[in-house]
Amino acid sequence: MRKTIWLAVVAGAGLLSGPSAQAQSSFMADVIGQTIANMSSGWPSGCLALEWKEDAAAAARFDREAEPALKAYLTLAARKADPAPAYKRRLPGPWALDGVPNDDIHAISDPWASRVARLERVGVTLGRAKVFGHGVWRAYDADGHLLGTYDAEMIRKTQGYAVMRLRLWSPGQEDKIRSLTPYCGEPGDHEAWLDAKAAAEAKKAQRRAEAAARAKN
């Protein structure tokens, strides 16, 4: 699933023209080449290890375009309209409230969208894959009361970004909001990769110790 999304997104991101197309083509060739060479499962190991350098221009673009993508969703949700047009390449569990997912994006009922008067950005992080972003915003009503927090995973389009997965957290649930730490293609994947690597190394060390013990007998 991740491989399919990765390659499809990279291919689709190249539908540009002129100098932008040349730069995008170079980017695509680099990313696809590394993906095919390094990916045995999931994301490329170099990306998961955060060896891929942060792209300042791409990060600045996400910094500008992330909030408009969330507002596109809020505009539709506030009208009780189908929010699907604000989404692209929806992930499993594309919308959830306090950890309870709703897989039918056409039937969601956002409890806050119609009352949001102000968004306060907690922060945004662009994944090292350069096309996936993570952003967190607190939403307040007209009286300044906290309605809740929007935790959004987004994907780059030719113009702007779109929501891929959205998690809503009520006040008091802030400890469940995902950290805005650097990542590759999915928030938390760097930490998961480090844990898996440590577990694999521990298992190898155990096998070596067991082999050494057998050799003494």
Protein backbone atom coordinates (compact mmCIF):
# COMPACT_ATOMS: atom_id res chain seq x y z
CA MET A 1 0.00 0.00 0.00
CA ARG A 2 2.76 2.48 0.95
CA LYS A 3 4.78 1.58 -2.14
CA THR A 4 1.77 2.17 -4.37
CA ILE A 5 0.98 5.55 -2.80
CA TRP A 6 4.66 6.58 -2.89
CA LEU A 7 5.26 5.83 -6.56
CA ALA A 8 1.88 7.12 -7.69
CA VAL A 9 2.35 10.39 -5.84
CA VAL A 10 5.85 10.93 -7.21
CA ALA A 11 4.67 10.20 -10.73
CA GLY A 12 1.61 12.42 -10.41
CA ALA A 13 3.61 15.30 -8.98
CA GLY A 14 5.47 15.69 -12.26
CA LEU A 15 2.63 17.03 -14.36
CA LEU A 16 4.19 20.47 -14.80
CA SER A 17 5.72 22.35 -17.68
CA GLY A 18 8.68 24.60 -18.48
CA PRO A 19 11.59 25.06 -16.06
CA SER A 20 9.49 23.73 -13.20
CA ALA A 21 9.00 20.51 -15.13
CA GLN A 22 12.74 20.11 -15.60
CA ALA A 23 13.40 20.59 -11.89
CA GLN A 24 10.52 18.30 -11.03
CA SER A 25 11.77 15.68 -13.49
CA SER A 26 15.19 15.73 -11.82
CA PHE A 27 13.56 15.37 -8.43
CA MET A 28 11.40 12.49 -9.66
CA ALA A 29 14.35 10.64 -11.15
CA ASP A 30 16.28 10.99 -7.91
CA VAL A 31 13.41 9.91 -5.70
CA ILE A 32 12.25 7.02 -7.89
CA GLY A 33 15.83 5.79 -8.30
CA GLN A 34 16.43 5.77 -4.56
CA THR A 35 13.04 4.23 -3.94
CA ILE A 36 13.65 1.30 -6.30
CA ALA A 37 17.22 0.81 -5.12
CA ASN A 38 16.57 0.97 -1.37
CA MET A 39 12.98 -0.08 -0.79
CA SER A 40 12.49 -3.70 0.22
CA SER A 41 9.38 -2.91 2.23
CA GLY A 42 7.78 0.31 3.42
CA TRP A 43 9.71 3.53 2.93
CA PRO A 44 13.36 3.75 1.74
CA SER A 45 15.80 3.16 4.60
CA GLY A 46 17.74 6.33 3.80
CA CYS A 47 14.55 8.35 4.17
CA LEU A 48 13.53 6.59 7.39
CA ALA A 49 16.99 7.24 8.82
CA LEU A 50 16.56 10.95 7.96
CA GLU A 51 19.67 10.79 5.82
CA TRP A 52 17.77 12.58 3.08
CA LYS A 53 18.38 16.30 3.55
CA GLU A 54 15.53 18.64 4.28
CA ASP A 55 14.52 20.65 1.21
CA ALA A 56 14.21 24.26 2.41
CA ALA A 57 12.14 25.38 -0.60
CA ALA A 58 9.74 22.44 -0.29
CA ALA A 59 9.42 23.01 3.46
CA ALA A 60 8.66 26.69 2.88
CA ARG A 61 5.99 25.74 0.37
CA PHE A 62 4.31 23.41 2.85
CA ASP A 63 4.58 26.09 5.52
CA ARG A 64 2.55 28.41 3.26
CA GLU A 65 0.08 25.92 1.85
CA ALA A 66 -0.75 23.60 4.74
CA GLU A 67 -3.28 25.84 6.48
CA PRO A 68 -5.22 26.66 3.29
CA ALA A 69 -5.59 22.90 2.77
CA LEU A 70 -7.12 22.51 6.22
CA LYS A 71 -9.37 25.52 5.64
CA ALA A 72 -10.62 23.95 2.40
CA TYR A 73 -11.79 20.99 4.46
CA LEU A 74 -13.32 23.22 7.16
CA THR A 75 -15.26 25.24 4.59
CA LEU A 76 -16.97 22.10 3.32
CA ALA A 77 -17.44 20.53 6.76
CA ALA A 78 -18.96 23.74 8.14
CA ARG A 79 -21.66 23.58 5.47
CA LYS A 80 -22.25 19.88 6.15
CA ALA A 81 -21.13 19.33 2.56
CA ASP A 82 -19.20 16.31 1.36
CA PRO A 83 -15.57 17.00 2.42
CA ALA A 84 -14.15 14.53 -0.12
CA PRO A 85 -13.03 17.31 -2.53
CA ALA A 86 -10.60 18.51 0.16
CA TYR A 87 -9.00 15.07 0.29
CA LYS A 88 -6.56 13.30 -2.01
CA ARG A 89 -5.41 9.67 -1.88
CA ARG A 90 -7.23 8.98 1.35
CA LEU A 91 -5.46 6.67 3.79
CA PRO A 92 -7.22 3.99 5.86
CA GLY A 93 -9.18 5.72 8.61
CA PRO A 94 -9.22 9.10 6.78
CA TRP A 95 -11.10 10.86 9.59
CA ALA A 96 -11.29 10.19 13.31
CA LEU A 97 -12.66 11.91 16.41
CA ASP A 98 -10.86 11.17 19.69
CA GLY A 99 -9.42 7.99 18.25
CA VAL A 100 -12.68 6.66 16.80
CA PRO A 101 -12.29 6.42 13.00
CA ASN A 102 -14.93 6.92 10.36
CA ASP A 103 -13.93 5.23 7.11
CA ASP A 104 -16.83 6.78 5.18
CA ILE A 105 -15.51 10.28 4.54
CA HIS A 106 -18.79 11.23 2.83
CA ALA A 107 -20.73 10.68 6.07
CA ILE A 108 -18.60 12.45 8.67
CA SER A 109 -20.01 15.06 11.04
CA ASP A 110 -17.38 17.52 12.22
CA PRO A 111 -18.50 18.82 15.65
CA TRP A 112 -16.53 22.08 15.44
CA ALA A 113 -16.17 23.20 11.82
CA SER A 114 -19.20 25.51 11.76
CA ARG A 115 -18.01 27.27 14.95
CA VAL A 116 -14.33 27.73 14.14
CA ALA A 117 -13.49 31.44 14.29
CA ARG A 118 -9.73 31.15 14.60
CA LEU A 119 -7.03 28.58 13.97
CA GLU A 120 -3.85 28.58 16.00
CA ARG A 121 -1.03 26.71 14.35
CA VAL A 122 0.92 24.47 16.68
CA GLY A 123 3.37 23.59 13.93
CA VAL A 124 3.94 21.88 10.60
CA THR A 125 6.56 19.38 9.46
CA LEU A 126 7.31 18.29 5.91
CA GLY A 127 8.44 14.68 5.63
CA ARG A 128 11.80 14.02 4.03
CA ALA A 129 9.89 12.34 1.17
CA LYS A 130 9.02 15.96 0.24
CA VAL A 131 5.42 15.30 -0.74
CA PHE A 132 3.88 14.33 2.62
CA GLY A 133 3.30 16.83 5.40
CA HIS A 134 2.04 16.82 8.98
CA GLY A 135 0.38 19.77 10.66
CA VAL A 136 -1.41 20.48 13.95
CA TRP A 137 -3.83 23.35 14.65
CA ARG A 138 -5.94 24.35 17.64
CA ALA A 139 -9.41 25.61 16.76
CA TYR A 140 -11.20 28.34 18.78
CA ASP A 141 -14.73 29.68 18.65
CA ALA A 142 -15.70 33.36 18.48
CA ASP A 143 -15.52 33.67 22.28
CA GLY A 144 -11.99 32.32 22.39
CA HIS A 145 -12.93 28.91 23.76
CA LEU A 146 -10.87 25.94 22.59
CA LEU A 147 -13.03 23.67 20.47
CA GLY A 148 -10.40 21.03 19.79
CA THR A 149 -7.27 20.22 17.83
CA TYR A 150 -6.89 19.17 14.20
CA ASP A 151 -4.02 16.76 13.49
CA ALA A 152 -3.63 16.48 9.73
CA GLU A 153 -1.56 14.42 7.34
CA MET A 154 -1.37 16.08 3.93
CA ILE A 155 -0.10 15.36 0.45
CA ARG A 156 1.34 17.71 -2.15
CA LYS A 157 -0.61 18.46 -5.30
CA THR A 158 0.52 20.31 -8.42
CA GLN A 159 -0.90 23.39 -6.74
CA GLY A 160 -1.21 23.39 -2.99
CA TYR A 161 -1.76 20.51 -0.59
CA ALA A 162 -4.72 18.30 0.25
CA VAL A 163 -5.73 16.34 3.33
CA MET A 164 -4.94 12.61 3.41
CA ARG A 165 -5.92 11.80 6.98
CA LEU A 166 -7.42 13.99 9.69
CA ARG A 167 -7.61 13.31 13.41
CA LEU A 168 -9.70 15.52 15.68
CA TRP A 169 -8.90 15.67 19.39
CA SER A 170 -11.21 17.19 21.99
CA PRO A 171 -9.85 19.37 24.82
CA GLY A 172 -8.18 17.11 27.38
CA GLN A 173 -6.97 14.70 24.70
CA GLU A 174 -3.86 16.71 23.82
CA ASP A 175 -1.51 13.97 25.06
CA LYS A 176 -2.66 11.81 22.13
CA ILE A 177 -1.62 14.32 19.47
CA ARG A 178 1.34 13.08 17.48
CA SER A 179 4.67 14.82 17.79
CA LEU A 180 5.81 17.14 15.01
CA THR A 181 9.25 15.55 14.91
CA PRO A 182 11.08 14.95 11.61
CA TYR A 183 9.91 11.90 9.66
CA CYS A 184 10.05 10.29 6.23
CA GLY A 185 6.57 9.63 4.84
CA GLU A 186 4.36 9.05 7.87
CA PRO A 187 4.54 10.75 11.29
CA GLY A 188 6.44 8.57 13.74
CA ASP A 189 8.07 6.37 11.11
CA HIS A 190 11.61 7.48 12.02
CA GLU A 191 11.12 6.46 15.66
CA ALA A 192 9.53 3.17 14.60
CA TRP A 193 12.49 2.52 12.28
CA LEU A 194 14.95 3.20 15.11
CA ASP A 195 13.05 0.81 17.38
CA ALA A 196 12.99 -1.91 14.71
CA LYS A 197 16.69 -1.42 14.02
CA ALA A 198 17.54 -1.67 17.71
CA ALA A 199 15.43 -4.80 18.06
CA ALA A 200 17.14 -6.39 15.04
CA GLU A 201 20.59 -5.55 16.41
CA ALA A 202 19.66 -6.96 19.82
CA LYS A 203 18.46 -10.17 18.17
CA LYS A 204 21.73 -10.48 16.23
CA ALA A 205 23.73 -9.92 19.41
CA GLN A 206 21.72 -12.62 21.16
CA ARG A 207 22.34 -15.08 18.33
CA ARG A 208 26.08 -14.33 18.45
CA ALA A 209 26.14 -14.87 22.19
CA GLU A 210 24.25 -18.16 21.84
CA ALA A 211 26.62 -19.31 19.09
CA ALA A 212 29.64 -18.42 21.23
CA ALA A 213 28.18 -20.34 24.17
CA ARG A 214 27.62 -23.43 21.98
CA ALA A 215 31.17 -23.21 20.66
CA LYS A 216 32.54 -23.47 24.21
CA ASN A 217 30.64 -26.70 24.86
